[in-house]
N, C-alpha and C. Protein backbone atom coordinates (compact mmCIF):
# COMPACT_ATOMS: atom_id res chain seq x y z
N UNK A 1 -13.02 -6.96 3.74
CA UNK A 1 -11.66 -6.65 4.10
C UNK A 1 -11.01 -5.85 2.98
N UNK A 2 -10.05 -5.01 3.40
CA UNK A 2 -9.39 -4.13 2.45
C UNK A 2 -7.88 -4.16 2.71
N UNK A 3 -7.12 -4.36 1.63
CA UNK A 3 -5.68 -4.54 1.72
C UNK A 3 -4.95 -3.35 1.11
N UNK A 4 -3.96 -2.84 1.85
CA UNK A 4 -3.09 -1.79 1.34
C UNK A 4 -1.66 -2.30 1.32
N UNK A 5 -0.97 -2.08 0.19
CA UNK A 5 0.41 -2.53 0.03
C UNK A 5 1.31 -1.39 -0.42
N UNK A 6 2.36 -1.15 0.35
CA UNK A 6 3.42 -0.22 -0.04
C UNK A 6 4.65 -1.08 -0.26
N UNK A 7 4.91 -1.42 -1.51
CA UNK A 7 5.96 -2.38 -1.84
C UNK A 7 7.32 -1.71 -1.97
N UNK A 8 8.31 -2.37 -1.43
CA UNK A 8 9.68 -1.86 -1.42
C UNK A 8 10.63 -3.05 -1.40
N UNK A 9 11.86 -2.82 -1.76
CA UNK A 9 12.86 -3.88 -1.68
C UNK A 9 13.36 -4.08 -0.25
N UNK A 10 13.39 -3.02 0.53
CA UNK A 10 13.98 -3.13 1.88
C UNK A 10 12.96 -3.19 3.00
N UNK A 11 11.78 -2.57 2.81
CA UNK A 11 10.81 -2.48 3.91
C UNK A 11 9.42 -2.24 3.33
N UNK A 12 8.68 -3.31 3.09
CA UNK A 12 7.33 -3.20 2.54
C UNK A 12 6.31 -3.09 3.66
N UNK A 13 5.32 -2.23 3.47
CA UNK A 13 4.25 -2.09 4.44
C UNK A 13 3.01 -2.82 3.97
N UNK A 14 2.34 -3.50 4.92
CA UNK A 14 1.11 -4.24 4.61
C UNK A 14 0.07 -3.89 5.66
N UNK A 15 -1.12 -3.55 5.19
CA UNK A 15 -2.23 -3.25 6.09
C UNK A 15 -3.48 -3.95 5.58
N UNK A 16 -4.14 -4.68 6.46
CA UNK A 16 -5.41 -5.32 6.13
C UNK A 16 -6.40 -4.91 7.19
N UNK A 17 -7.51 -4.30 6.75
CA UNK A 17 -8.53 -3.86 7.69
C UNK A 17 -9.87 -4.52 7.37
N UNK A 18 -10.69 -4.64 8.38
CA UNK A 18 -12.06 -5.14 8.23
C UNK A 18 -12.95 -4.05 7.68
N UNK A 19 -14.17 -4.41 7.35
CA UNK A 19 -15.14 -3.43 6.85
C UNK A 19 -15.45 -2.35 7.87
N UNK A 20 -15.33 -2.66 9.16
CA UNK A 20 -15.57 -1.65 10.20
C UNK A 20 -14.33 -0.81 10.49
N UNK A 21 -13.25 -1.06 9.76
CA UNK A 21 -12.02 -0.30 9.93
C UNK A 21 -11.04 -0.89 10.94
N UNK A 22 -11.45 -1.94 11.64
CA UNK A 22 -10.54 -2.55 12.60
C UNK A 22 -9.38 -3.23 11.87
N UNK A 23 -8.23 -3.21 12.50
CA UNK A 23 -6.99 -3.67 11.89
C UNK A 23 -6.80 -5.18 12.11
N UNK A 24 -6.55 -5.88 11.02
CA UNK A 24 -6.20 -7.31 11.08
C UNK A 24 -4.69 -7.50 10.96
N UNK A 25 -4.10 -6.78 10.02
CA UNK A 25 -2.65 -6.87 9.78
C UNK A 25 -2.10 -5.46 9.64
N UNK A 26 -1.02 -5.19 10.33
CA UNK A 26 -0.29 -3.94 10.20
C UNK A 26 1.17 -4.34 10.38
N UNK A 27 1.82 -4.66 9.27
CA UNK A 27 3.14 -5.30 9.32
C UNK A 27 4.13 -4.63 8.36
N UNK A 28 5.38 -4.89 8.66
CA UNK A 28 6.48 -4.49 7.81
C UNK A 28 7.25 -5.75 7.43
N UNK A 29 7.59 -5.86 6.16
CA UNK A 29 8.41 -6.98 5.69
C UNK A 29 9.75 -6.41 5.27
N UNK A 30 10.78 -6.85 5.96
CA UNK A 30 12.13 -6.34 5.70
C UNK A 30 12.92 -7.34 4.85
N UNK A 31 13.81 -6.79 4.04
CA UNK A 31 14.64 -7.61 3.17
C UNK A 31 15.97 -6.90 2.97
N UNK A 32 17.03 -7.69 2.89
CA UNK A 32 18.37 -7.13 2.67
C UNK A 32 18.91 -7.59 1.33
N UNK A 33 19.64 -6.72 0.70
CA UNK A 33 20.28 -7.02 -0.56
C UNK A 33 21.38 -8.05 -0.34
N UNK A 34 21.38 -9.07 -1.19
CA UNK A 34 22.40 -10.11 -1.07
C UNK A 34 23.37 -10.11 -2.24
N UNK A 35 23.03 -9.40 -3.30
CA UNK A 35 23.91 -9.32 -4.46
C UNK A 35 23.15 -8.88 -5.68
N UNK A 36 23.86 -8.74 -6.79
CA UNK A 36 23.25 -8.24 -8.02
C UNK A 36 23.06 -9.29 -9.10
N UNK A 37 23.58 -10.50 -8.89
CA UNK A 37 23.37 -11.56 -9.86
C UNK A 37 21.88 -11.90 -9.87
N UNK A 38 21.41 -12.37 -11.01
CA UNK A 38 19.98 -12.64 -11.16
C UNK A 38 19.49 -13.62 -10.08
N UNK A 39 20.28 -14.64 -9.78
CA UNK A 39 19.86 -15.61 -8.76
C UNK A 39 19.73 -14.96 -7.38
N UNK A 40 20.65 -14.06 -7.07
CA UNK A 40 20.62 -13.37 -5.78
C UNK A 40 19.45 -12.39 -5.70
N UNK A 41 19.21 -11.68 -6.80
CA UNK A 41 18.09 -10.73 -6.82
C UNK A 41 16.77 -11.47 -6.63
N UNK A 42 16.60 -12.56 -7.39
CA UNK A 42 15.32 -13.27 -7.31
C UNK A 42 15.16 -14.04 -6.01
N UNK A 43 16.23 -14.45 -5.39
CA UNK A 43 16.12 -15.05 -4.05
C UNK A 43 15.54 -14.02 -3.08
N UNK A 44 15.97 -12.78 -3.21
CA UNK A 44 15.43 -11.70 -2.38
C UNK A 44 13.95 -11.46 -2.69
N UNK A 45 13.62 -11.39 -3.96
CA UNK A 45 12.23 -11.15 -4.35
C UNK A 45 11.31 -12.25 -3.83
N UNK A 46 11.77 -13.50 -3.95
CA UNK A 46 10.93 -14.60 -3.49
C UNK A 46 10.81 -14.62 -1.97
N UNK A 47 11.81 -14.15 -1.28
CA UNK A 47 11.71 -14.01 0.17
C UNK A 47 10.62 -13.01 0.53
N UNK A 48 10.60 -11.86 -0.15
CA UNK A 48 9.56 -10.85 0.07
C UNK A 48 8.19 -11.44 -0.29
N UNK A 49 8.11 -12.05 -1.46
CA UNK A 49 6.85 -12.64 -1.94
C UNK A 49 6.30 -13.67 -0.96
N UNK A 50 7.15 -14.55 -0.47
CA UNK A 50 6.69 -15.60 0.45
C UNK A 50 6.20 -15.04 1.77
N UNK A 51 6.85 -13.98 2.26
CA UNK A 51 6.39 -13.35 3.49
C UNK A 51 5.02 -12.69 3.29
N UNK A 52 4.84 -12.04 2.15
CA UNK A 52 3.55 -11.43 1.84
C UNK A 52 2.50 -12.52 1.68
N UNK A 53 2.84 -13.59 0.98
CA UNK A 53 1.92 -14.71 0.78
C UNK A 53 1.43 -15.26 2.12
N UNK A 54 2.34 -15.48 3.05
CA UNK A 54 1.97 -16.02 4.37
C UNK A 54 0.99 -15.11 5.10
N UNK A 55 1.14 -13.80 4.92
CA UNK A 55 0.26 -12.86 5.61
C UNK A 55 -1.12 -12.76 4.96
N UNK A 56 -1.18 -12.68 3.62
CA UNK A 56 -2.46 -12.35 2.99
C UNK A 56 -3.27 -13.52 2.46
N UNK A 57 -2.63 -14.62 2.09
CA UNK A 57 -3.37 -15.72 1.48
C UNK A 57 -4.47 -16.26 2.40
N UNK A 58 -4.28 -16.36 3.72
CA UNK A 58 -5.39 -16.83 4.55
C UNK A 58 -6.65 -15.95 4.46
N UNK A 59 -6.52 -14.72 4.00
CA UNK A 59 -7.64 -13.78 3.92
C UNK A 59 -8.09 -13.48 2.50
N UNK A 60 -7.35 -13.94 1.50
CA UNK A 60 -7.50 -13.46 0.12
C UNK A 60 -8.92 -13.59 -0.42
N UNK A 61 -9.64 -14.64 -0.08
CA UNK A 61 -11.00 -14.83 -0.58
C UNK A 61 -11.98 -13.81 -0.02
N UNK A 62 -11.66 -13.23 1.13
CA UNK A 62 -12.57 -12.28 1.78
C UNK A 62 -12.21 -10.82 1.49
N UNK A 63 -11.10 -10.61 0.81
CA UNK A 63 -10.66 -9.24 0.52
C UNK A 63 -11.51 -8.68 -0.64
N UNK A 64 -12.16 -7.54 -0.38
CA UNK A 64 -13.01 -6.91 -1.38
C UNK A 64 -12.24 -5.96 -2.29
N UNK A 65 -11.22 -5.30 -1.72
CA UNK A 65 -10.47 -4.33 -2.50
C UNK A 65 -9.02 -4.27 -2.07
N UNK A 66 -8.16 -3.99 -3.04
CA UNK A 66 -6.72 -3.94 -2.81
C UNK A 66 -6.19 -2.64 -3.42
N UNK A 67 -5.41 -1.91 -2.63
CA UNK A 67 -4.76 -0.70 -3.13
C UNK A 67 -3.25 -0.89 -3.03
N UNK A 68 -2.56 -0.63 -4.12
CA UNK A 68 -1.11 -0.74 -4.18
C UNK A 68 -0.55 0.63 -4.55
N UNK A 69 0.46 1.06 -3.79
CA UNK A 69 1.07 2.35 -4.12
C UNK A 69 1.89 2.21 -5.39
N UNK A 70 1.70 3.14 -6.30
CA UNK A 70 2.46 3.17 -7.54
C UNK A 70 3.88 3.63 -7.24
N UNK A 71 4.77 3.41 -8.17
CA UNK A 71 6.14 3.87 -8.01
C UNK A 71 6.18 5.38 -8.17
N UNK A 72 7.04 6.00 -7.43
CA UNK A 72 7.24 7.43 -7.55
C UNK A 72 8.04 7.70 -8.82
N UNK A 73 7.60 8.69 -9.59
CA UNK A 73 8.31 9.02 -10.82
C UNK A 73 9.71 9.55 -10.54
N UNK A 74 9.92 10.05 -9.34
CA UNK A 74 11.23 10.57 -8.98
C UNK A 74 12.12 9.55 -8.30
N UNK A 75 11.70 8.28 -8.33
CA UNK A 75 12.47 7.23 -7.65
C UNK A 75 13.89 7.16 -8.19
N UNK A 76 14.81 7.00 -7.28
CA UNK A 76 16.22 6.87 -7.62
C UNK A 76 16.67 5.45 -7.26
N UNK A 77 17.73 5.01 -7.88
CA UNK A 77 18.35 3.76 -7.46
C UNK A 77 17.80 2.54 -8.16
N UNK A 78 17.39 1.58 -7.41
CA UNK A 78 17.06 0.26 -7.90
C UNK A 78 15.63 0.12 -8.41
N UNK A 79 15.20 0.99 -9.30
CA UNK A 79 13.83 0.99 -9.79
C UNK A 79 13.52 -0.27 -10.60
N UNK A 80 14.48 -0.78 -11.35
CA UNK A 80 14.26 -2.01 -12.13
C UNK A 80 14.04 -3.19 -11.19
N UNK A 81 14.86 -3.28 -10.15
CA UNK A 81 14.71 -4.37 -9.19
C UNK A 81 13.38 -4.26 -8.44
N UNK A 82 12.99 -3.04 -8.10
CA UNK A 82 11.70 -2.84 -7.43
C UNK A 82 10.56 -3.28 -8.35
N UNK A 83 10.64 -2.94 -9.61
CA UNK A 83 9.62 -3.35 -10.58
C UNK A 83 9.56 -4.87 -10.70
N UNK A 84 10.73 -5.52 -10.73
CA UNK A 84 10.75 -6.99 -10.83
C UNK A 84 10.06 -7.61 -9.62
N UNK A 85 10.41 -7.15 -8.43
CA UNK A 85 9.83 -7.68 -7.19
C UNK A 85 8.34 -7.40 -7.11
N UNK A 86 7.94 -6.17 -7.41
CA UNK A 86 6.53 -5.79 -7.32
C UNK A 86 5.67 -6.54 -8.32
N UNK A 87 6.24 -6.88 -9.47
CA UNK A 87 5.50 -7.66 -10.46
C UNK A 87 5.15 -9.04 -9.91
N UNK A 88 6.06 -9.66 -9.20
CA UNK A 88 5.79 -10.96 -8.59
C UNK A 88 4.63 -10.86 -7.58
N UNK A 89 4.62 -9.80 -6.79
CA UNK A 89 3.56 -9.62 -5.80
C UNK A 89 2.23 -9.38 -6.50
N UNK A 90 2.22 -8.54 -7.52
CA UNK A 90 0.99 -8.28 -8.26
C UNK A 90 0.46 -9.57 -8.90
N UNK A 91 1.37 -10.38 -9.43
CA UNK A 91 0.97 -11.66 -10.01
C UNK A 91 0.35 -12.58 -8.96
N UNK A 92 0.94 -12.64 -7.79
CA UNK A 92 0.38 -13.44 -6.69
C UNK A 92 -1.05 -13.00 -6.40
N UNK A 93 -1.26 -11.72 -6.31
CA UNK A 93 -2.59 -11.19 -6.00
C UNK A 93 -3.57 -11.48 -7.13
N UNK A 94 -3.17 -11.21 -8.35
CA UNK A 94 -4.05 -11.43 -9.50
C UNK A 94 -4.47 -12.89 -9.64
N UNK A 95 -3.56 -13.79 -9.37
CA UNK A 95 -3.87 -15.22 -9.51
C UNK A 95 -4.70 -15.78 -8.36
N UNK A 96 -4.71 -15.11 -7.21
CA UNK A 96 -5.37 -15.67 -6.03
C UNK A 96 -6.57 -14.88 -5.52
N UNK A 97 -6.77 -13.68 -5.99
CA UNK A 97 -7.83 -12.84 -5.44
C UNK A 97 -9.21 -13.39 -5.79
N UNK A 98 -10.16 -13.00 -4.98
CA UNK A 98 -11.56 -13.29 -5.22
C UNK A 98 -11.95 -12.66 -6.56
N UNK A 99 -12.73 -13.35 -7.38
CA UNK A 99 -13.09 -12.82 -8.70
C UNK A 99 -13.86 -11.51 -8.62
N UNK A 100 -14.52 -11.24 -7.51
CA UNK A 100 -15.29 -10.01 -7.35
C UNK A 100 -14.50 -8.86 -6.73
N UNK A 101 -13.28 -9.14 -6.28
CA UNK A 101 -12.49 -8.07 -5.66
C UNK A 101 -11.84 -7.22 -6.75
N UNK A 102 -11.42 -6.03 -6.37
CA UNK A 102 -10.83 -5.11 -7.33
C UNK A 102 -9.49 -4.61 -6.81
N UNK A 103 -8.69 -4.12 -7.74
CA UNK A 103 -7.36 -3.59 -7.42
C UNK A 103 -7.28 -2.18 -7.97
N UNK A 104 -6.79 -1.26 -7.15
CA UNK A 104 -6.49 0.09 -7.63
C UNK A 104 -5.04 0.40 -7.32
N UNK A 105 -4.44 1.19 -8.19
CA UNK A 105 -3.08 1.67 -7.94
C UNK A 105 -3.17 3.15 -7.62
N UNK A 106 -2.49 3.55 -6.55
CA UNK A 106 -2.60 4.90 -6.01
C UNK A 106 -1.23 5.57 -6.08
N UNK A 107 -1.20 6.76 -6.63
CA UNK A 107 0.06 7.50 -6.71
C UNK A 107 0.47 8.01 -5.33
N UNK A 108 1.76 8.20 -5.10
CA UNK A 108 2.20 8.76 -3.82
C UNK A 108 1.57 10.12 -3.52
N UNK A 109 1.34 10.92 -4.55
CA UNK A 109 0.72 12.24 -4.34
C UNK A 109 -0.73 12.09 -3.89
N UNK A 110 -1.48 11.17 -4.48
CA UNK A 110 -2.87 10.94 -4.07
C UNK A 110 -2.92 10.43 -2.64
N UNK A 111 -1.99 9.56 -2.27
CA UNK A 111 -1.93 9.04 -0.91
C UNK A 111 -1.73 10.19 0.08
N UNK A 112 -0.78 11.08 -0.21
CA UNK A 112 -0.51 12.21 0.69
C UNK A 112 -1.71 13.14 0.77
N UNK A 113 -2.33 13.41 -0.37
CA UNK A 113 -3.49 14.31 -0.37
C UNK A 113 -4.64 13.70 0.42
N UNK A 114 -4.84 12.39 0.34
CA UNK A 114 -5.92 11.72 1.05
C UNK A 114 -5.80 11.91 2.56
N UNK A 115 -4.59 11.84 3.08
CA UNK A 115 -4.40 11.93 4.53
C UNK A 115 -4.12 13.36 5.00
N UNK A 116 -3.42 14.15 4.21
CA UNK A 116 -3.02 15.49 4.64
C UNK A 116 -3.93 16.61 4.11
N UNK A 117 -4.63 16.35 3.03
CA UNK A 117 -5.48 17.37 2.43
C UNK A 117 -4.76 18.21 1.40
N UNK A 118 -3.46 18.26 1.49
CA UNK A 118 -2.64 18.99 0.52
C UNK A 118 -1.26 18.36 0.51
N UNK A 119 -0.51 18.65 -0.51
CA UNK A 119 0.82 18.07 -0.65
C UNK A 119 1.82 19.22 -0.74
N UNK A 120 2.40 19.57 0.39
CA UNK A 120 3.41 20.64 0.40
C UNK A 120 4.74 20.12 0.92
N UNK A 121 4.69 19.36 1.99
CA UNK A 121 5.92 18.86 2.60
C UNK A 121 6.49 17.73 1.76
N UNK A 122 7.81 17.55 1.86
CA UNK A 122 8.49 16.47 1.15
C UNK A 122 9.41 15.73 2.10
N UNK A 123 9.85 14.56 1.66
CA UNK A 123 10.85 13.80 2.40
C UNK A 123 10.40 13.41 3.80
N UNK A 124 11.33 13.51 4.74
CA UNK A 124 11.07 13.09 6.11
C UNK A 124 9.98 13.93 6.78
N UNK A 125 9.91 15.21 6.44
CA UNK A 125 8.87 16.07 7.00
C UNK A 125 7.48 15.55 6.61
N UNK A 126 7.33 15.17 5.36
CA UNK A 126 6.06 14.62 4.87
C UNK A 126 5.72 13.32 5.60
N UNK A 127 6.72 12.45 5.75
CA UNK A 127 6.51 11.17 6.44
C UNK A 127 6.05 11.39 7.88
N UNK A 128 6.68 12.34 8.55
CA UNK A 128 6.30 12.64 9.94
C UNK A 128 4.88 13.19 10.02
N UNK A 129 4.52 14.07 9.09
CA UNK A 129 3.16 14.62 9.07
C UNK A 129 2.12 13.53 8.84
N UNK A 130 2.42 12.61 7.94
CA UNK A 130 1.50 11.51 7.64
C UNK A 130 1.28 10.66 8.88
N UNK A 131 2.33 10.28 9.56
CA UNK A 131 2.22 9.46 10.77
C UNK A 131 1.41 10.19 11.84
N UNK A 132 1.64 11.48 11.97
CA UNK A 132 0.90 12.30 12.94
C UNK A 132 -0.59 12.35 12.60
N UNK A 133 -0.90 12.52 11.32
CA UNK A 133 -2.31 12.58 10.89
C UNK A 133 -3.02 11.25 11.08
N UNK A 134 -2.32 10.15 10.86
CA UNK A 134 -2.92 8.84 11.09
C UNK A 134 -3.34 8.71 12.55
N UNK A 135 -2.47 9.16 13.43
CA UNK A 135 -2.81 9.09 14.86
C UNK A 135 -4.02 9.96 15.16
N UNK A 136 -4.04 11.17 14.60
CA UNK A 136 -5.14 12.10 14.87
C UNK A 136 -6.47 11.60 14.29
N UNK A 137 -6.44 11.10 13.06
CA UNK A 137 -7.68 10.71 12.38
C UNK A 137 -8.17 9.31 12.72
N UNK A 138 -7.23 8.40 12.98
CA UNK A 138 -7.60 6.99 13.16
C UNK A 138 -7.20 6.43 14.53
N UNK A 139 -6.62 7.27 15.37
CA UNK A 139 -6.17 6.85 16.69
C UNK A 139 -5.30 5.59 16.61
N UNK A 140 -4.44 5.57 15.62
CA UNK A 140 -3.56 4.43 15.38
C UNK A 140 -2.12 4.94 15.40
N UNK A 141 -1.33 4.35 16.28
CA UNK A 141 0.06 4.77 16.47
C UNK A 141 0.97 3.90 15.59
N UNK A 142 1.56 4.53 14.59
CA UNK A 142 2.44 3.83 13.65
C UNK A 142 3.77 4.57 13.64
N UNK A 143 4.87 3.84 13.68
CA UNK A 143 6.18 4.49 13.69
C UNK A 143 7.05 4.14 12.48
N UNK A 144 6.44 3.55 11.46
CA UNK A 144 7.15 3.16 10.25
C UNK A 144 6.42 3.77 9.06
N UNK A 145 7.11 4.55 8.25
CA UNK A 145 6.42 5.26 7.17
C UNK A 145 5.87 4.33 6.09
N UNK A 146 6.45 3.16 5.91
CA UNK A 146 5.92 2.20 4.93
C UNK A 146 4.64 1.56 5.43
N UNK A 147 4.59 1.24 6.70
CA UNK A 147 3.35 0.73 7.29
C UNK A 147 2.29 1.83 7.26
N UNK A 148 2.70 3.06 7.53
CA UNK A 148 1.77 4.20 7.48
C UNK A 148 1.15 4.32 6.09
N UNK A 149 1.98 4.24 5.06
CA UNK A 149 1.47 4.33 3.69
C UNK A 149 0.51 3.17 3.40
N UNK A 150 0.86 1.97 3.82
CA UNK A 150 -0.01 0.81 3.60
C UNK A 150 -1.35 1.00 4.32
N UNK A 151 -1.30 1.54 5.54
CA UNK A 151 -2.53 1.78 6.30
C UNK A 151 -3.42 2.79 5.56
N UNK A 152 -2.83 3.86 5.06
CA UNK A 152 -3.61 4.84 4.30
C UNK A 152 -4.19 4.19 3.04
N UNK A 153 -3.41 3.38 2.37
CA UNK A 153 -3.90 2.69 1.18
C UNK A 153 -5.11 1.80 1.51
N UNK A 154 -5.07 1.12 2.65
CA UNK A 154 -6.23 0.29 3.03
C UNK A 154 -7.44 1.18 3.32
N UNK A 155 -7.23 2.36 3.87
CA UNK A 155 -8.33 3.30 4.10
C UNK A 155 -8.86 3.85 2.78
N UNK A 156 -7.97 4.13 1.85
CA UNK A 156 -8.37 4.62 0.53
C UNK A 156 -9.24 3.59 -0.18
N UNK A 157 -8.80 2.34 -0.21
CA UNK A 157 -9.56 1.33 -0.94
C UNK A 157 -10.89 1.03 -0.25
N UNK A 158 -10.94 1.16 1.07
CA UNK A 158 -12.21 1.02 1.80
C UNK A 158 -13.16 2.14 1.39
N UNK A 159 -12.67 3.36 1.37
CA UNK A 159 -13.51 4.50 0.99
C UNK A 159 -13.91 4.42 -0.48
N UNK A 160 -13.01 3.93 -1.32
CA UNK A 160 -13.32 3.72 -2.73
C UNK A 160 -14.50 2.76 -2.86
N UNK A 161 -14.50 1.73 -2.06
CA UNK A 161 -15.58 0.74 -2.06
C UNK A 161 -16.87 1.30 -1.47
N UNK A 162 -16.76 1.95 -0.32
CA UNK A 162 -17.95 2.41 0.43
C UNK A 162 -18.55 3.70 -0.12
N UNK A 163 -17.71 4.55 -0.72
CA UNK A 163 -18.11 5.87 -1.22
C UNK A 163 -18.70 6.75 -0.10
N UNK A 164 -18.14 6.61 1.09
CA UNK A 164 -18.50 7.46 2.23
C UNK A 164 -17.27 8.29 2.58
N UNK A 165 -17.41 9.61 2.47
CA UNK A 165 -16.27 10.50 2.61
C UNK A 165 -16.32 11.27 3.91
N UNK A 166 -15.17 11.45 4.52
CA UNK A 166 -15.07 12.24 5.75
C UNK A 166 -14.72 13.69 5.43
N UNK A 167 -13.90 13.91 4.42
CA UNK A 167 -13.44 15.24 4.07
C UNK A 167 -13.55 15.43 2.57
N UNK A 168 -13.74 16.65 2.14
CA UNK A 168 -13.89 16.97 0.72
C UNK A 168 -12.64 16.55 -0.07
N UNK A 169 -11.45 16.74 0.50
CA UNK A 169 -10.23 16.38 -0.22
C UNK A 169 -10.12 14.86 -0.40
N UNK A 170 -10.69 14.09 0.53
CA UNK A 170 -10.70 12.63 0.35
C UNK A 170 -11.66 12.26 -0.78
N UNK A 171 -12.78 12.92 -0.84
CA UNK A 171 -13.74 12.68 -1.92
C UNK A 171 -13.09 12.96 -3.27
N UNK A 172 -12.33 14.05 -3.35
CA UNK A 172 -11.65 14.40 -4.60
C UNK A 172 -10.66 13.31 -5.01
N UNK A 173 -9.88 12.80 -4.06
CA UNK A 173 -8.93 11.73 -4.36
C UNK A 173 -9.66 10.49 -4.86
N UNK A 174 -10.73 10.11 -4.18
CA UNK A 174 -11.48 8.90 -4.56
C UNK A 174 -12.13 9.08 -5.93
N UNK A 175 -12.72 10.25 -6.17
CA UNK A 175 -13.36 10.48 -7.47
C UNK A 175 -12.34 10.43 -8.61
N UNK A 176 -11.13 10.92 -8.36
CA UNK A 176 -10.08 10.83 -9.38
C UNK A 176 -9.67 9.37 -9.62
N UNK A 177 -9.62 8.59 -8.57
CA UNK A 177 -9.30 7.16 -8.71
C UNK A 177 -10.40 6.43 -9.47
N UNK A 178 -11.65 6.79 -9.18
CA UNK A 178 -12.77 6.18 -9.89
C UNK A 178 -12.67 6.47 -11.39
N UNK A 179 -12.41 7.72 -11.73
CA UNK A 179 -12.26 8.11 -13.14
C UNK A 179 -11.12 7.33 -13.80
N UNK A 180 -10.02 7.19 -13.09
CA UNK A 180 -8.84 6.51 -13.64
C UNK A 180 -9.07 5.01 -13.82
N UNK A 181 -10.03 4.46 -13.08
CA UNK A 181 -10.26 3.00 -13.13
C UNK A 181 -11.55 2.61 -13.83
N UNK A 182 -12.20 3.55 -14.51
CA UNK A 182 -13.44 3.22 -15.25
C UNK A 182 -13.13 2.52 -16.54
């Protein structure tokens, strides 16, 4: 099994696929801001964490690889809060994962290149292209860009594990990830 996580404060995407590529989990976890006090922030983080825990812990021993999208360097807004929340999720995974499983972190640019072959579009146009390509390449209809990113991440980590490439640009992305994780 291969897990892809696109972590966010408002709408996290989670994708878990089998070794044959069949989908086990394709979910979105939504969360609303309740305030800026530390207690309010962490109540939100633990809500996100507990929802993720409920989804992945039943499978954690069988997961061979995990891909988590890195933060965008151009991120605006609540980057500190996102880092706090994402750290809790990473800790959950590190403490519970199978000792033989591996974790890779994938940049947003690598994710786009893996599915699109090139990175030219930005913003909503890029999100729409990604969703369209997922349908074309994987015959999977997704209407949420965070779930789409998580699905691509699960495909990336599967290919990272299997080392079987469909396109030259995917091979390039995987080889760069391999170099970064040696």
